[in-house]
Amino acid sequence: MLTAEIWKDLNTPFKLAPEQIDYFRREGFVKLKNVLSPATVDYYGRVITEKVFELNTLNKPLEQRTTYEKAFLQIMNLWTKSDVVKEFSFARRLGQLAAELMGVSGVRMYHDQALYKEAGGGFTPWHADEYYWPLDTDNTVTVWVPLQATPLEMGPLQFSAGSHRYALGRNLEISDDSEIKISKALLEHGLPLINEPFALGEVSYHYGWTFHRAGPNTTGQARKVMTVIYFADGARLSAPKNKHQADDWNNWLPGNKLGEPAATRLNPVLYSA
């Protein structure tokens, strides 16, 4: 049931401190406590989980999967499949935080996705999301919302602090190869690894070029996470640099022409100041 408390969580501004904005831009990510109440996480978590297991088609045993398949169940554009999930993915508060952290006046949806690391699920290799996105801006950000408290044993998101400022490993898709090569490059550049648990209601934001990974889930329950990817309103479609960007153009920017603003029916404005 959508209560007044939950509506407030989704639709009223969250006050950012200047030092939090500075940290995000310097380090490429930020973790924010108490963005969502336990009631909000519980309400939408139950609905999102139901849709994930309804729509999931990856049913092979873990031992028969690739590294990528072991990392998580991945269900995209859930907002198009559930009006209740749409309420969550379109949350004005989450969009406001994305815009203010990046310093832009408005943000659009790239897509949302649930990332469920099953009990016993494997690690998520080092990667940067923007490798996949045919956009002409680096003003892109993902909010990572755990749907439960997430201890280290469950495989929370890890960040390479400051890595968005280095042009290393940007030609690598997520894979065993990216795990090895990016790990080596980050170590050579002396970039700190931030690996911390997430409290209930805590979320993180990271730039599209911030390198991140996650450890395995060694607990007996799924690590349930919902994400939304935002880009600055006014960004344009750029020529794909790899096959994945060509696929993303077809999937998330349907009908867009090169050089045009990325503003299809699948890319609504989620926040405008």
C-alpha atoms as a PDB file:
ATOM      1  CA  MET A   1       0.000   0.000   0.000  1.00  0.00           C
ATOM      2  CA  LEU A   2       1.341   3.424  -1.005  1.00  0.00           C
ATOM      3  CA  THR A   3       1.333   5.289   2.329  1.00  0.00           C
ATOM      4  CA  ALA A   4       2.090   8.964   2.982  1.00  0.00           C
ATOM      5  CA  GLU A   5       5.545   7.973   4.267  1.00  0.00           C
ATOM      6  CA  ILE A   6       6.365   6.084   1.078  1.00  0.00           C
ATOM      7  CA  TRP A   7       5.017   8.894  -1.134  1.00  0.00           C
ATOM      8  CA  LYS A   8       7.251  11.341   0.738  1.00  0.00           C
ATOM      9  CA  ASP A   9      10.272   9.092   0.230  1.00  0.00           C
ATOM     10  CA  LEU A  10       9.709   9.046  -3.505  1.00  0.00           C
ATOM     11  CA  ASN A  11       8.673  12.620  -4.185  1.00  0.00           C
ATOM     12  CA  THR A  12      10.234  15.075  -1.739  1.00  0.00           C
ATOM     13  CA  PRO A  13      13.812  16.378  -2.066  1.00  0.00           C
ATOM     14  CA  PHE A  14      16.694  14.801  -0.182  1.00  0.00           C
ATOM     15  CA  LYS A  15      19.134  17.377   1.167  1.00  0.00           C
ATOM     16  CA  LEU A  16      22.653  16.868  -0.102  1.00  0.00           C
ATOM     17  CA  ALA A  17      25.582  18.392   1.757  1.00  0.00           C
ATOM     18  CA  PRO A  18      28.147  20.271  -0.397  1.00  0.00           C
ATOM     19  CA  GLU A  19      30.845  17.853   0.743  1.00  0.00           C
ATOM     20  CA  GLN A  20      28.792  14.904  -0.556  1.00  0.00           C
ATOM     21  CA  ILE A  21      28.573  16.514  -4.000  1.00  0.00           C
ATOM     22  CA  ASP A  22      32.296  17.308  -3.926  1.00  0.00           C
ATOM     23  CA  TYR A  23      33.098  13.732  -2.909  1.00  0.00           C
ATOM     24  CA  PHE A  24      30.993  12.303  -5.741  1.00  0.00           C
ATOM     25  CA  ARG A  25      32.655  14.428  -8.407  1.00  0.00           C
ATOM     26  CA  ARG A  26      36.138  13.772  -7.051  1.00  0.00           C
ATOM     27  CA  GLU A  27      35.832  10.043  -6.345  1.00  0.00           C
ATOM     28  CA  GLY A  28      33.217   9.101  -8.967  1.00  0.00           C
ATOM     29  CA  PHE A  29      30.722   7.625  -6.513  1.00  0.00           C
ATOM     30  CA  VAL A  30      28.967   8.395  -3.255  1.00  0.00           C
ATOM     31  CA  LYS A  31      27.005   6.358  -0.713  1.00  0.00           C
ATOM     32  CA  LEU A  32      24.034   8.081   0.941  1.00  0.00           C
ATOM     33  CA  LYS A  33      22.360   6.774   4.088  1.00  0.00           C
ATOM     34  CA  ASN A  34      18.633   6.923   4.876  1.00  0.00           C
ATOM     35  CA  VAL A  35      17.539   7.949   1.378  1.00  0.00           C
ATOM     36  CA  LEU A  36      14.634   5.492   1.628  1.00  0.00           C
ATOM     37  CA  SER A  37      12.718   4.314   4.677  1.00  0.00           C
ATOM     38  CA  PRO A  38      12.494   0.620   5.600  1.00  0.00           C
ATOM     39  CA  ALA A  39       8.781   0.744   4.699  1.00  0.00           C
ATOM     40  CA  THR A  40       9.573   1.984   1.186  1.00  0.00           C
ATOM     41  CA  VAL A  41      12.280  -0.623   0.625  1.00  0.00           C
ATOM     42  CA  ASP A  42      10.009  -3.384   1.872  1.00  0.00           C
ATOM     43  CA  TYR A  43       6.979  -2.303  -0.176  1.00  0.00           C
ATOM     44  CA  TYR A  44       8.758  -1.950  -3.507  1.00  0.00           C
ATOM     45  CA  GLY A  45      11.185  -4.773  -2.784  1.00  0.00           C
ATOM     46  CA  ARG A  46       8.360  -7.290  -2.590  1.00  0.00           C
ATOM     47  CA  VAL A  47       6.842  -6.098  -5.892  1.00  0.00           C
ATOM     48  CA  ILE A  48      10.189  -5.943  -7.703  1.00  0.00           C
ATOM     49  CA  THR A  49      11.137  -9.412  -6.467  1.00  0.00           C
ATOM     50  CA  GLU A  50       7.849 -10.857  -7.671  1.00  0.00           C
ATOM     51  CA  LYS A  51       8.394  -9.385 -11.157  1.00  0.00           C
ATOM     52  CA  VAL A  52      12.029 -10.532 -11.296  1.00  0.00           C
ATOM     53  CA  PHE A  53      11.148 -14.160 -10.674  1.00  0.00           C
ATOM     54  CA  GLU A  54       8.144 -13.931 -12.976  1.00  0.00           C
ATOM     55  CA  LEU A  55      10.227 -12.595 -15.875  1.00  0.00           C
ATOM     56  CA  ASN A  56      13.538 -14.407 -15.281  1.00  0.00           C
ATOM     57  CA  THR A  57      14.498 -16.916 -17.975  1.00  0.00           C
ATOM     58  CA  LEU A  58      17.965 -17.877 -16.651  1.00  0.00           C
ATOM     59  CA  ASN A  59      17.275 -21.204 -14.987  1.00  0.00           C
ATOM     60  CA  LYS A  60      20.493 -23.155 -15.586  1.00  0.00           C
ATOM     61  CA  PRO A  61      22.265 -24.457 -12.480  1.00  0.00           C
ATOM     62  CA  LEU A  62      24.997 -22.058 -11.309  1.00  0.00           C
ATOM     63  CA  GLU A  63      27.764 -24.531 -12.132  1.00  0.00           C
ATOM     64  CA  GLN A  64      26.689 -24.537 -15.807  1.00  0.00           C
ATOM     65  CA  ARG A  65      26.720 -20.761 -16.225  1.00  0.00           C
ATOM     66  CA  THR A  66      29.316 -18.308 -17.507  1.00  0.00           C
ATOM     67  CA  THR A  67      30.964 -15.845 -15.127  1.00  0.00           C
ATOM     68  CA  TYR A  68      28.496 -13.161 -16.235  1.00  0.00           C
ATOM     69  CA  GLU A  69      25.507 -15.463 -15.747  1.00  0.00           C
ATOM     70  CA  LYS A  70      26.715 -16.460 -12.278  1.00  0.00           C
ATOM     71  CA  ALA A  71      26.993 -12.807 -11.242  1.00  0.00           C
ATOM     72  CA  PHE A  72      23.280 -11.979 -11.190  1.00  0.00           C
ATOM     73  CA  LEU A  73      19.823 -12.322 -12.646  1.00  0.00           C
ATOM     74  CA  GLN A  74      19.326  -9.192 -14.760  1.00  0.00           C
ATOM     75  CA  ILE A  75      15.854  -7.914 -15.679  1.00  0.00           C
ATOM     76  CA  MET A  76      15.724  -4.604 -17.570  1.00  0.00           C
ATOM     77  CA  ASN A  77      13.070  -1.941 -18.095  1.00  0.00           C
ATOM     78  CA  LEU A  78      10.901  -3.305 -15.309  1.00  0.00           C
ATOM     79  CA  TRP A  79       9.078   0.056 -15.270  1.00  0.00           C
ATOM     80  CA  THR A  80       7.391  -0.909 -18.544  1.00  0.00           C
ATOM     81  CA  LYS A  81       6.038  -4.116 -17.017  1.00  0.00           C
ATOM     82  CA  SER A  82       4.567  -2.919 -13.720  1.00  0.00           C
ATOM     83  CA  ASP A  83       2.875   0.340 -12.728  1.00  0.00           C
ATOM     84  CA  VAL A  84       4.069  -0.155  -9.156  1.00  0.00           C
ATOM     85  CA  VAL A  85       7.697  -0.621 -10.226  1.00  0.00           C
ATOM     86  CA  LYS A  86       7.273   2.470 -12.419  1.00  0.00           C
ATOM     87  CA  GLU A  87       6.436   4.498  -9.287  1.00  0.00           C
ATOM     88  CA  PHE A  88       9.796   3.463  -7.861  1.00  0.00           C
ATOM     89  CA  SER A  89      11.877   3.923 -11.002  1.00  0.00           C
ATOM     90  CA  PHE A  90      10.322   7.341 -11.649  1.00  0.00           C
ATOM     91  CA  ALA A  91      10.918   8.510  -8.055  1.00  0.00           C
ATOM     92  CA  ARG A  92      11.540  12.250  -8.166  1.00  0.00           C
ATOM     93  CA  ARG A  93      13.871  12.045  -5.147  1.00  0.00           C
ATOM     94  CA  LEU A  94      16.189   9.569  -6.866  1.00  0.00           C
ATOM     95  CA  GLY A  95      16.216  11.682 -10.037  1.00  0.00           C
ATOM     96  CA  GLN A  96      16.836  14.870  -8.043  1.00  0.00           C
ATOM     97  CA  LEU A  97      19.890  13.322  -6.419  1.00  0.00           C
ATOM     98  CA  ALA A  98      21.239  12.181  -9.798  1.00  0.00           C
ATOM     99  CA  ALA A  99      20.831  15.680 -11.271  1.00  0.00           C
ATOM    100  CA  GLU A 100      22.345  17.521  -8.309  1.00  0.00           C
ATOM    101  CA  LEU A 101      25.308  15.180  -8.030  1.00  0.00           C
ATOM    102  CA  MET A 102      26.119  15.670 -11.713  1.00  0.00           C
ATOM    103  CA  GLY A 103      25.312  19.390 -11.649  1.00  0.00           C
ATOM    104  CA  VAL A 104      22.679  19.318 -14.396  1.00  0.00           C
ATOM    105  CA  SER A 105      19.173  20.767 -14.489  1.00  0.00           C
ATOM    106  CA  GLY A 106      17.397  17.609 -15.588  1.00  0.00           C
ATOM    107  CA  VAL A 107      17.856  13.886 -16.163  1.00  0.00           C
ATOM    108  CA  ARG A 108      16.236  11.258 -18.370  1.00  0.00           C
ATOM    109  CA  MET A 109      15.833   7.512 -18.018  1.00  0.00           C
ATOM    110  CA  TYR A 110      18.303   5.320 -19.880  1.00  0.00           C
ATOM    111  CA  HIS A 111      16.808   2.181 -18.416  1.00  0.00           C
ATOM    112  CA  ASP A 112      16.193   0.559 -15.066  1.00  0.00           C
ATOM    113  CA  GLN A 113      17.281  -2.952 -14.151  1.00  0.00           C
ATOM    114  CA  ALA A 114      17.026  -5.392 -11.300  1.00  0.00           C
ATOM    115  CA  LEU A 115      20.286  -7.165 -10.404  1.00  0.00           C
ATOM    116  CA  TYR A 116      19.679 -10.179  -8.177  1.00  0.00           C
ATOM    117  CA  LYS A 117      22.784 -12.066  -7.054  1.00  0.00           C
ATOM    118  CA  GLU A 118      21.441 -15.468  -6.052  1.00  0.00           C
ATOM    119  CA  ALA A 119      22.519 -17.376  -2.958  1.00  0.00           C
ATOM    120  CA  GLY A 120      25.908 -18.801  -3.924  1.00  0.00           C
ATOM    121  CA  GLY A 121      26.140 -16.444  -6.910  1.00  0.00           C
ATOM    122  CA  GLY A 122      29.544 -15.520  -8.253  1.00  0.00           C
ATOM    123  CA  PHE A 123      31.520 -12.285  -8.374  1.00  0.00           C
ATOM    124  CA  THR A 124      30.732  -9.395 -10.739  1.00  0.00           C
ATOM    125  CA  PRO A 125      33.877  -8.531 -12.765  1.00  0.00           C
ATOM    126  CA  TRP A 126      35.412  -5.059 -12.919  1.00  0.00           C
ATOM    127  CA  HIS A 127      33.758  -2.884 -15.563  1.00  0.00           C
ATOM    128  CA  ALA A 128      32.527   0.612 -16.414  1.00  0.00           C
ATOM    129  CA  ASP A 129      28.915   0.942 -17.542  1.00  0.00           C
ATOM    130  CA  GLU A 130      29.427   3.698 -20.097  1.00  0.00           C
ATOM    131  CA  TYR A 131      31.283   1.265 -22.355  1.00  0.00           C
ATOM    132  CA  TYR A 132      27.778   0.135 -23.368  1.00  0.00           C
ATOM    133  CA  TRP A 133      26.080   3.517 -23.914  1.00  0.00           C
ATOM    134  CA  PRO A 134      26.019   5.413 -27.270  1.00  0.00           C
ATOM    135  CA  LEU A 135      25.660   8.877 -25.732  1.00  0.00           C
ATOM    136  CA  ASP A 136      27.673  12.049 -26.369  1.00  0.00           C
ATOM    137  CA  THR A 137      28.028  12.906 -22.672  1.00  0.00           C
ATOM    138  CA  ASP A 138      29.890  11.672 -19.621  1.00  0.00           C
ATOM    139  CA  ASN A 139      27.102  13.067 -17.446  1.00  0.00           C
ATOM    140  CA  THR A 140      25.624   9.656 -16.758  1.00  0.00           C
ATOM    141  CA  VAL A 141      24.975   8.066 -13.389  1.00  0.00           C
ATOM    142  CA  THR A 142      23.492   4.910 -11.889  1.00  0.00           C
ATOM    143  CA  VAL A 143      21.681   4.694  -8.585  1.00  0.00           C
ATOM    144  CA  TRP A 144      22.186   1.310  -6.876  1.00  0.00           C
ATOM    145  CA  VAL A 145      19.417   0.531  -4.383  1.00  0.00           C
ATOM    146  CA  PRO A 146      19.790  -2.603  -2.243  1.00  0.00           C
ATOM    147  CA  LEU A 147      16.433  -4.037  -1.232  1.00  0.00           C
ATOM    148  CA  GLN A 148      17.835  -5.378   2.041  1.00  0.00           C
ATOM    149  CA  ALA A 149      20.732  -4.591   4.318  1.00  0.00           C
ATOM    150  CA  THR A 150      23.756  -5.872   2.388  1.00  0.00           C
ATOM    151  CA  PRO A 151      26.763  -7.173   4.356  1.00  0.00           C
ATOM    152  CA  LEU A 152      30.102  -7.913   2.718  1.00  0.00           C
ATOM    153  CA  GLU A 153      29.233 -11.616   2.523  1.00  0.00           C
ATOM    154  CA  MET A 154      26.325 -10.775   0.208  1.00  0.00           C
ATOM    155  CA  GLY A 155      28.445  -9.044  -2.431  1.00  0.00           C
ATOM    156  CA  PRO A 156      27.744  -5.284  -2.200  1.00  0.00           C
ATOM    157  CA  LEU A 157      28.959  -2.947  -4.924  1.00  0.00           C
ATOM    158  CA  GLN A 158      32.661  -2.066  -4.708  1.00  0.00           C
ATOM    159  CA  PHE A 159      34.159   1.081  -6.249  1.00  0.00           C
ATOM    160  CA  SER A 160      37.545   2.139  -7.539  1.00  0.00           C
ATOM    161  CA  ALA A 161      37.743   5.652  -6.099  1.00  0.00           C
ATOM    162  CA  GLY A 162      38.692   8.263  -8.678  1.00  0.00           C
ATOM    163  CA  SER A 163      38.770   5.805 -11.583  1.00  0.00           C
ATOM    164  CA  HIS A 164      36.335   7.875 -13.686  1.00  0.00           C
ATOM    165  CA  ARG A 165      39.199  10.338 -14.252  1.00  0.00           C
ATOM    166  CA  TYR A 166      41.457   7.747 -15.900  1.00  0.00           C
ATOM    167  CA  ALA A 167      41.100   6.466 -19.470  1.00  0.00           C
ATOM    168  CA  LEU A 168      42.004   2.894 -18.610  1.00  0.00           C
ATOM    169  CA  GLY A 169      40.112  -0.262 -19.532  1.00  0.00           C
ATOM    170  CA  ARG A 170      37.374   1.671 -21.303  1.00  0.00           C
ATOM    171  CA  ASN A 171      37.432  -0.725 -24.251  1.00  0.00           C
ATOM    172  CA  LEU A 172      36.581  -3.804 -22.179  1.00  0.00           C
ATOM    173  CA  GLU A 173      33.195  -5.441 -21.789  1.00  0.00           C
ATOM    174  CA  ILE A 174      32.356  -7.095 -18.483  1.00  0.00           C
ATOM    175  CA  SER A 175      34.131 -10.473 -18.464  1.00  0.00           C
ATOM    176  CA  ASP A 176      36.874 -12.547 -16.883  1.00  0.00           C
ATOM    177  CA  ASP A 177      39.258 -10.549 -19.083  1.00  0.00           C
ATOM    178  CA  SER A 178      38.031  -7.214 -17.704  1.00  0.00           C
ATOM    179  CA  GLU A 179      38.410  -8.506 -14.133  1.00  0.00           C
ATOM    180  CA  ILE A 180      42.073  -9.340 -14.722  1.00  0.00           C
ATOM    181  CA  LYS A 181      43.113  -6.367 -16.862  1.00  0.00           C
ATOM    182  CA  ILE A 182      41.224  -3.636 -15.011  1.00  0.00           C
ATOM    183  CA  SER A 183      42.283  -4.970 -11.610  1.00  0.00           C
ATOM    184  CA  LYS A 184      45.918  -4.763 -12.735  1.00  0.00           C
ATOM    185  CA  ALA A 185      45.501  -1.253 -14.174  1.00  0.00           C
ATOM    186  CA  LEU A 186      43.769   0.099 -11.074  1.00  0.00           C
ATOM    187  CA  LEU A 187      46.486  -1.351  -8.873  1.00  0.00           C
ATOM    188  CA  GLU A 188      49.204   0.224 -11.029  1.00  0.00           C
ATOM    189  CA  HIS A 189      47.518   3.629 -10.718  1.00  0.00           C
ATOM    190  CA  GLY A 190      47.194   3.261  -6.954  1.00  0.00           C
ATOM    191  CA  LEU A 191      43.437   3.812  -6.955  1.00  0.00           C
ATOM    192  CA  PRO A 192      41.732   2.833  -3.666  1.00  0.00           C
ATOM    193  CA  LEU A 193      39.187   0.016  -3.537  1.00  0.00           C
ATOM    194  CA  ILE A 194      36.104   0.879  -1.489  1.00  0.00           C
ATOM    195  CA  ASN A 195      34.305  -2.239  -0.285  1.00  0.00           C
ATOM    196  CA  GLU A 196      31.732  -1.533   2.418  1.00  0.00           C
ATOM    197  CA  PRO A 197      28.375  -2.968   3.491  1.00  0.00           C
ATOM    198  CA  PHE A 198      25.130  -1.123   2.754  1.00  0.00           C
ATOM    199  CA  ALA A 199      22.646  -0.379   5.518  1.00  0.00           C
ATOM    200  CA  LEU A 200      18.916  -0.674   4.861  1.00  0.00           C
ATOM    201  CA  GLY A 201      17.790   2.480   3.072  1.00  0.00           C
ATOM    202  CA  GLU A 202      21.329   3.372   1.961  1.00  0.00           C
ATOM    203  CA  VAL A 203      21.928   3.847  -1.780  1.00  0.00           C
ATOM    204  CA  SER A 204      24.910   4.663  -3.963  1.00  0.00           C
ATOM    205  CA  TYR A 205      25.424   6.715  -7.106  1.00  0.00           C
ATOM    206  CA  HIS A 206      28.310   6.214  -9.503  1.00  0.00           C
ATOM    207  CA  TYR A 207      29.370   7.838 -12.768  1.00  0.00           C
ATOM    208  CA  GLY A 208      29.189   5.827 -15.984  1.00  0.00           C
ATOM    209  CA  TRP A 209      32.992   5.708 -16.188  1.00  0.00           C
ATOM    210  CA  THR A 210      33.580   4.744 -12.560  1.00  0.00           C
ATOM    211  CA  PHE A 211      34.965   1.221 -12.397  1.00  0.00           C
ATOM    212  CA  HIS A 212      33.115  -1.089 -10.042  1.00  0.00           C
ATOM    213  CA  ARG A 213      32.676  -4.767  -9.226  1.00  0.00           C
ATOM    214  CA  ALA A 214      31.053  -6.962  -6.573  1.00  0.00           C
ATOM    215  CA  GLY A 215      32.155 -10.015  -4.650  1.00  0.00           C
ATOM    216  CA  PRO A 216      30.274 -13.331  -4.572  1.00  0.00           C
ATOM    217  CA  ASN A 217      27.177 -13.890  -2.459  1.00  0.00           C
ATOM    218  CA  THR A 218      28.208 -16.469   0.094  1.00  0.00           C
ATOM    219  CA  THR A 219      24.987 -16.202   2.123  1.00  0.00           C
ATOM    220  CA  GLY A 220      21.890 -18.353   1.851  1.00  0.00           C
ATOM    221  CA  GLN A 221      19.642 -15.592   0.495  1.00  0.00           C
ATOM    222  CA  ALA A 222      19.582 -13.523  -2.678  1.00  0.00           C
ATOM    223  CA  ARG A 223      21.186 -10.085  -2.804  1.00  0.00           C
ATOM    224  CA  LYS A 224      18.306  -8.067  -4.246  1.00  0.00           C
ATOM    225  CA  VAL A 225      19.113  -4.754  -5.917  1.00  0.00           C
ATOM    226  CA  MET A 226      17.197  -2.305  -8.108  1.00  0.00           C
ATOM    227  CA  THR A 227      18.997   0.255 -10.254  1.00  0.00           C
ATOM    228  CA  VAL A 228      18.095   3.217 -12.451  1.00  0.00           C
ATOM    229  CA  ILE A 229      20.455   4.716 -15.023  1.00  0.00           C
ATOM    230  CA  TYR A 230      20.158   8.465 -15.705  1.00  0.00           C
ATOM    231  CA  PHE A 231      21.720  10.750 -18.288  1.00  0.00           C
ATOM    232  CA  ALA A 232      21.698  14.532 -18.573  1.00  0.00           C
ATOM    233  CA  ASP A 233      18.668  15.872 -20.415  1.00  0.00           C
ATOM    234  CA  GLY A 234      19.862  17.179 -23.787  1.00  0.00           C
ATOM    235  CA  ALA A 235      22.441  14.436 -24.387  1.00  0.00           C
ATOM    236  CA  ARG A 236      22.495  13.161 -27.962  1.00  0.00           C
ATOM    237  CA  LEU A 237      22.835   9.807 -29.640  1.00  0.00           C
ATOM    238  CA  SER A 238      26.395   9.235 -30.844  1.00  0.00           C
ATOM    239  CA  ALA A 239      27.704   6.712 -33.348  1.00  0.00           C
ATOM    240  CA  PRO A 240      28.119   3.299 -31.666  1.00  0.00           C
ATOM    241  CA  LYS A 241      31.717   2.420 -30.836  1.00  0.00           C
ATOM    242  CA  ASN A 242      31.076  -1.318 -30.390  1.00  0.00           C
ATOM    243  CA  LYS A 243      28.404  -3.954 -30.987  1.00  0.00           C
ATOM    244  CA  HIS A 244      26.975  -3.468 -27.505  1.00  0.00           C
ATOM    245  CA  GLN A 245      26.352   0.235 -28.126  1.00  0.00           C
ATOM    246  CA  ALA A 246      24.602  -0.680 -31.379  1.00  0.00           C
ATOM    247  CA  ASP A 247      22.378  -3.090 -29.445  1.00  0.00           C
ATOM    248  CA  ASP A 248      21.669  -0.450 -26.801  1.00  0.00           C
ATOM    249  CA  TRP A 249      20.658   2.019 -29.513  1.00  0.00           C
ATOM    250  CA  ASN A 250      18.030  -0.447 -30.730  1.00  0.00           C
ATOM    251  CA  ASN A 251      16.870  -1.488 -27.267  1.00  0.00           C
ATOM    252  CA  TRP A 252      16.875   1.702 -25.195  1.00  0.00           C
ATOM    253  CA  LEU A 253      16.822   4.500 -27.802  1.00  0.00           C
ATOM    254  CA  PRO A 254      14.457   3.085 -30.439  1.00  0.00           C
ATOM    255  CA  GLY A 255      13.940   5.316 -33.456  1.00  0.00           C
ATOM    256  CA  ASN A 256      16.577   7.852 -32.387  1.00  0.00           C
ATOM    257  CA  LYS A 257      18.735   9.251 -35.177  1.00  0.00           C
ATOM    258  CA  LEU A 258      22.440  10.002 -34.832  1.00  0.00           C
ATOM    259  CA  GLY A 259      23.015  13.483 -33.468  1.00  0.00           C
ATOM    260  CA  GLU A 260      19.469  13.882 -32.204  1.00  0.00           C
ATOM    261  CA  PRO A 261      18.654  14.371 -28.508  1.00  0.00           C
ATOM    262  CA  ALA A 262      18.181  11.027 -26.763  1.00  0.00           C
ATOM    263  CA  ALA A 263      14.505  11.505 -25.983  1.00  0.00           C
ATOM    264  CA  THR A 264      12.474   8.531 -27.158  1.00  0.00           C
ATOM    265  CA  ARG A 265       9.352   7.144 -25.490  1.00  0.00           C
ATOM    266  CA  LEU A 266      11.679   4.978 -23.371  1.00  0.00           C
ATOM    267  CA  ASN A 267      13.684   7.983 -22.127  1.00  0.00           C
ATOM    268  CA  PRO A 268      11.254  10.172 -20.185  1.00  0.00           C
ATOM    269  CA  VAL A 269      12.438  13.098 -18.071  1.00  0.00           C
ATOM    270  CA  LEU A 270      12.620  11.833 -14.479  1.00  0.00           C
ATOM    271  CA  TYR A 271      13.620  15.130 -12.885  1.00  0.00           C
ATOM    272  CA  SER A 272      13.764  18.746 -13.970  1.00  0.00           C
ATOM    273  CA  ALA A 273      14.705  21.553 -11.613  1.00  0.00           C
END
